[in-house]
Amino acid sequence: MRVNCNEKAMRFWALQYGPYIEVLEPESLRNQIKESIAGMSKKYSDG
């Protein structure tokens, strides 16, 4: 699907539905999502 929206809003939407979707573009948004996921993973890792 293609949408035109605020990038920040799209980032939070994508994080909410992360297991079910993949953001293809823009690359900057993909990178922001990767950073958020890495931060969450680090926070919840056992050590």
PDB file of N, CA and C in Angstrom:
ATOM      1  N   MET A   1       0.844  -1.150   0.000  1.00  0.00           N
ATOM      2  CA  MET A   1       0.000   0.000   0.000  1.00  0.00           C
ATOM      3  C   MET A   1       0.895   1.219   0.000  1.00  0.00           C
ATOM      4  N   ARG A   2       0.461   2.288  -0.547  1.00  0.00           N
ATOM      5  CA  ARG A   2       1.209   3.538  -0.580  1.00  0.00           C
ATOM      6  C   ARG A   2       0.373   4.607   0.136  1.00  0.00           C
ATOM      7  N   VAL A   3       1.028   5.335   1.042  1.00  0.00           N
ATOM      8  CA  VAL A   3       0.337   6.410   1.764  1.00  0.00           C
ATOM      9  C   VAL A   3       1.204   7.665   1.781  1.00  0.00           C
ATOM     10  N   ASN A   4       0.568   8.791   1.880  1.00  0.00           N
ATOM     11  CA  ASN A   4       1.247  10.069   2.087  1.00  0.00           C
ATOM     12  C   ASN A   4       0.850  10.547   3.475  1.00  0.00           C
ATOM     13  N   CYS A   5       1.839  10.662   4.366  1.00  0.00           N
ATOM     14  CA  CYS A   5       1.529  11.088   5.729  1.00  0.00           C
ATOM     15  C   CYS A   5       2.790  11.618   6.399  1.00  0.00           C
ATOM     16  N   ASN A   6       2.608  12.098   7.598  1.00  0.00           N
ATOM     17  CA  ASN A   6       3.695  12.579   8.422  1.00  0.00           C
ATOM     18  C   ASN A   6       4.621  11.416   8.753  1.00  0.00           C
ATOM     19  N   GLU A   7       5.929  11.584   8.546  1.00  0.00           N
ATOM     20  CA  GLU A   7       6.885  10.485   8.752  1.00  0.00           C
ATOM     21  C   GLU A   7       6.915  10.013  10.198  1.00  0.00           C
ATOM     22  N   LYS A   8       6.790  10.938  11.134  1.00  0.00           N
ATOM     23  CA  LYS A   8       6.803  10.559  12.551  1.00  0.00           C
ATOM     24  C   LYS A   8       5.582   9.697  12.886  1.00  0.00           C
ATOM     25  N   ALA A   9       4.421  10.084  12.379  1.00  0.00           N
ATOM     26  CA  ALA A   9       3.211   9.298  12.615  1.00  0.00           C
ATOM     27  C   ALA A   9       3.335   7.915  11.990  1.00  0.00           C
ATOM     28  N   MET A  10       3.917   7.860  10.808  1.00  0.00           N
ATOM     29  CA  MET A  10       4.100   6.572  10.127  1.00  0.00           C
ATOM     30  C   MET A  10       5.050   5.675  10.905  1.00  0.00           C
ATOM     31  N   ARG A  11       6.072   6.267  11.502  1.00  0.00           N
ATOM     32  CA  ARG A  11       7.020   5.491  12.308  1.00  0.00           C
ATOM     33  C   ARG A  11       6.313   4.798  13.464  1.00  0.00           C
ATOM     34  N   PHE A  12       5.493   5.541  14.197  1.00  0.00           N
ATOM     35  CA  PHE A  12       4.784   4.946  15.331  1.00  0.00           C
ATOM     36  C   PHE A  12       3.763   3.913  14.879  1.00  0.00           C
ATOM     37  N   TRP A  13       3.101   4.159  13.746  1.00  0.00           N
ATOM     38  CA  TRP A  13       2.151   3.184  13.198  1.00  0.00           C
ATOM     39  C   TRP A  13       2.894   1.899  12.836  1.00  0.00           C
ATOM     40  N   ALA A  14       4.047   2.046  12.174  1.00  0.00           N
ATOM     41  CA  ALA A  14       4.831   0.887  11.747  1.00  0.00           C
ATOM     42  C   ALA A  14       5.330   0.088  12.949  1.00  0.00           C
ATOM     43  N   LEU A  15       5.740   0.765  14.006  1.00  0.00           N
ATOM     44  CA  LEU A  15       6.191   0.057  15.206  1.00  0.00           C
ATOM     45  C   LEU A  15       5.032  -0.705  15.848  1.00  0.00           C
ATOM     46  N   GLN A  16       3.851  -0.129  15.806  1.00  0.00           N
ATOM     47  CA  GLN A  16       2.674  -0.772  16.374  1.00  0.00           C
ATOM     48  C   GLN A  16       2.319  -2.050  15.619  1.00  0.00           C
ATOM     49  N   TYR A  17       2.468  -2.029  14.305  1.00  0.00           N
ATOM     50  CA  TYR A  17       2.090  -3.164  13.468  1.00  0.00           C
ATOM     51  C   TYR A  17       3.304  -3.901  12.898  1.00  0.00           C
ATOM     52  N   GLY A  18       4.461  -3.702  13.513  1.00  0.00           N
ATOM     53  CA  GLY A  18       5.719  -4.256  13.037  1.00  0.00           C
ATOM     54  C   GLY A  18       5.714  -5.717  12.629  1.00  0.00           C
ATOM     55  N   PRO A  19       5.091  -6.602  13.407  1.00  0.00           N
ATOM     56  CA  PRO A  19       5.106  -8.015  13.016  1.00  0.00           C
ATOM     57  C   PRO A  19       4.342  -8.316  11.722  1.00  0.00           C
ATOM     58  N   TYR A  20       3.503  -7.358  11.286  1.00  0.00           N
ATOM     59  CA  TYR A  20       2.617  -7.626  10.151  1.00  0.00           C
ATOM     60  C   TYR A  20       2.933  -6.828   8.894  1.00  0.00           C
ATOM     61  N   ILE A  21       3.812  -5.829   8.997  1.00  0.00           N
ATOM     62  CA  ILE A  21       4.077  -4.952   7.863  1.00  0.00           C
ATOM     63  C   ILE A  21       5.586  -4.771   7.665  1.00  0.00           C
ATOM     64  N   GLU A  22       5.958  -4.215   6.526  1.00  0.00           N
ATOM     65  CA  GLU A  22       7.342  -3.817   6.282  1.00  0.00           C
ATOM     66  C   GLU A  22       7.316  -2.484   5.548  1.00  0.00           C
ATOM     67  N   VAL A  23       7.999  -1.501   6.077  1.00  0.00           N
ATOM     68  CA  VAL A  23       8.134  -0.208   5.412  1.00  0.00           C
ATOM     69  C   VAL A  23       9.253  -0.340   4.382  1.00  0.00           C
ATOM     70  N   LEU A  24       8.954  -0.044   3.142  1.00  0.00           N
ATOM     71  CA  LEU A  24       9.934  -0.153   2.069  1.00  0.00           C
ATOM     72  C   LEU A  24      10.624   1.172   1.777  1.00  0.00           C
ATOM     73  N   GLU A  25       9.910   2.245   1.886  1.00  0.00           N
ATOM     74  CA  GLU A  25      10.435   3.589   1.605  1.00  0.00           C
ATOM     75  C   GLU A  25       9.771   4.579   2.537  1.00  0.00           C
ATOM     76  N   PRO A  26      10.389   5.662   2.823  1.00  0.00           N
ATOM     77  CA  PRO A  26      11.746   6.067   2.471  1.00  0.00           C
ATOM     78  C   PRO A  26      12.784   5.353   3.340  1.00  0.00           C
ATOM     79  N   GLU A  27      13.995   5.307   2.847  1.00  0.00           N
ATOM     80  CA  GLU A  27      15.093   4.640   3.556  1.00  0.00           C
ATOM     81  C   GLU A  27      15.314   5.244   4.943  1.00  0.00           C
ATOM     82  N   SER A  28      15.125   6.558   5.054  1.00  0.00           N
ATOM     83  CA  SER A  28      15.308   7.224   6.358  1.00  0.00           C
ATOM     84  C   SER A  28      14.326   6.684   7.390  1.00  0.00           C
ATOM     85  N   LEU A  29      13.108   6.406   6.977  1.00  0.00           N
ATOM     86  CA  LEU A  29      12.118   5.848   7.901  1.00  0.00           C
ATOM     87  C   LEU A  29      12.476   4.413   8.270  1.00  0.00           C
ATOM     88  N   ARG A  30      12.925   3.637   7.295  1.00  0.00           N
ATOM     89  CA  ARG A  30      13.381   2.263   7.584  1.00  0.00           C
ATOM     90  C   ARG A  30      14.487   2.287   8.635  1.00  0.00           C
ATOM     91  N   ASN A  31      15.419   3.221   8.495  1.00  0.00           N
ATOM     92  CA  ASN A  31      16.532   3.321   9.445  1.00  0.00           C
ATOM     93  C   ASN A  31      16.050   3.710  10.832  1.00  0.00           C
ATOM     94  N   GLN A  32      15.089   4.624  10.915  1.00  0.00           N
ATOM     95  CA  GLN A  32      14.539   5.022  12.214  1.00  0.00           C
ATOM     96  C   GLN A  32      13.872   3.829  12.899  1.00  0.00           C
ATOM     97  N   ILE A  33      13.148   3.049  12.126  1.00  0.00           N
ATOM     98  CA  ILE A  33      12.474   1.872  12.678  1.00  0.00           C
ATOM     99  C   ILE A  33      13.505   0.849  13.157  1.00  0.00           C
ATOM    100  N   LYS A  34      14.550   0.628  12.367  1.00  0.00           N
ATOM    101  CA  LYS A  34      15.618  -0.292  12.772  1.00  0.00           C
ATOM    102  C   LYS A  34      16.234   0.144  14.095  1.00  0.00           C
ATOM    103  N   GLU A  35      16.494   1.440  14.239  1.00  0.00           N
ATOM    104  CA  GLU A  35      17.089   1.960  15.478  1.00  0.00           C
ATOM    105  C   GLU A  35      16.144   1.763  16.659  1.00  0.00           C
ATOM    106  N   SER A  36      14.866   2.001  16.460  1.00  0.00           N
ATOM    107  CA  SER A  36      13.892   1.812  17.537  1.00  0.00           C
ATOM    108  C   SER A  36      13.825   0.358  17.964  1.00  0.00           C
ATOM    109  N   ILE A  37      13.806  -0.541  16.991  1.00  0.00           N
ATOM    110  CA  ILE A  37      13.734  -1.971  17.288  1.00  0.00           C
ATOM    111  C   ILE A  37      14.992  -2.426  18.023  1.00  0.00           C
ATOM    112  N   ALA A  38      16.142  -1.961  17.587  1.00  0.00           N
ATOM    113  CA  ALA A  38      17.406  -2.331  18.247  1.00  0.00           C
ATOM    114  C   ALA A  38      17.407  -1.842  19.689  1.00  0.00           C
ATOM    115  N   GLY A  39      16.912  -0.633  19.917  1.00  0.00           N
ATOM    116  CA  GLY A  39      16.851  -0.091  21.268  1.00  0.00           C
ATOM    117  C   GLY A  39      15.917  -0.898  22.162  1.00  0.00           C
ATOM    118  N   MET A  40      14.767  -1.293  21.615  1.00  0.00           N
ATOM    119  CA  MET A  40      13.835  -2.111  22.387  1.00  0.00           C
ATOM    120  C   MET A  40      14.423  -3.472  22.693  1.00  0.00           C
ATOM    121  N   SER A  41      15.079  -4.070  21.712  1.00  0.00           N
ATOM    122  CA  SER A  41      15.696  -5.377  21.909  1.00  0.00           C
ATOM    123  C   SER A  41      16.748  -5.324  23.015  1.00  0.00           C
ATOM    124  N   LYS A  42      17.560  -4.285  22.992  1.00  0.00           N
ATOM    125  CA  LYS A  42      18.593  -4.122  24.015  1.00  0.00           C
ATOM    126  C   LYS A  42      17.963  -3.969  25.402  1.00  0.00           C
ATOM    127  N   LYS A  43      16.892  -3.208  25.460  1.00  0.00           N
ATOM    128  CA  LYS A  43      16.216  -2.960  26.732  1.00  0.00           C
ATOM    129  C   LYS A  43      15.645  -4.236  27.332  1.00  0.00           C
ATOM    130  N   TYR A  44      15.161  -5.142  26.492  1.00  0.00           N
ATOM    131  CA  TYR A  44      14.497  -6.343  26.956  1.00  0.00           C
ATOM    132  C   TYR A  44      15.372  -7.596  26.937  1.00  0.00           C
ATOM    133  N   SER A  45      16.633  -7.457  26.536  1.00  0.00           N
ATOM    134  CA  SER A  45      17.505  -8.628  26.514  1.00  0.00           C
ATOM    135  C   SER A  45      17.901  -9.016  27.936  1.00  0.00           C
ATOM    136  N   ASP A  46      18.257 -10.257  28.106  1.00  0.00           N
ATOM    137  CA  ASP A  46      18.587 -10.776  29.438  1.00  0.00           C
ATOM    138  C   ASP A  46      20.002 -10.466  29.884  1.00  0.00           C
ATOM    139  N   GLY A  47      20.793  -9.905  29.033  1.00  0.00           N
ATOM    140  CA  GLY A  47      22.121  -9.597  29.517  1.00  0.00           C
ATOM    141  C   GLY A  47      23.014  -9.214  28.473  1.00  0.00           C
TER     142      GLY A  47
END
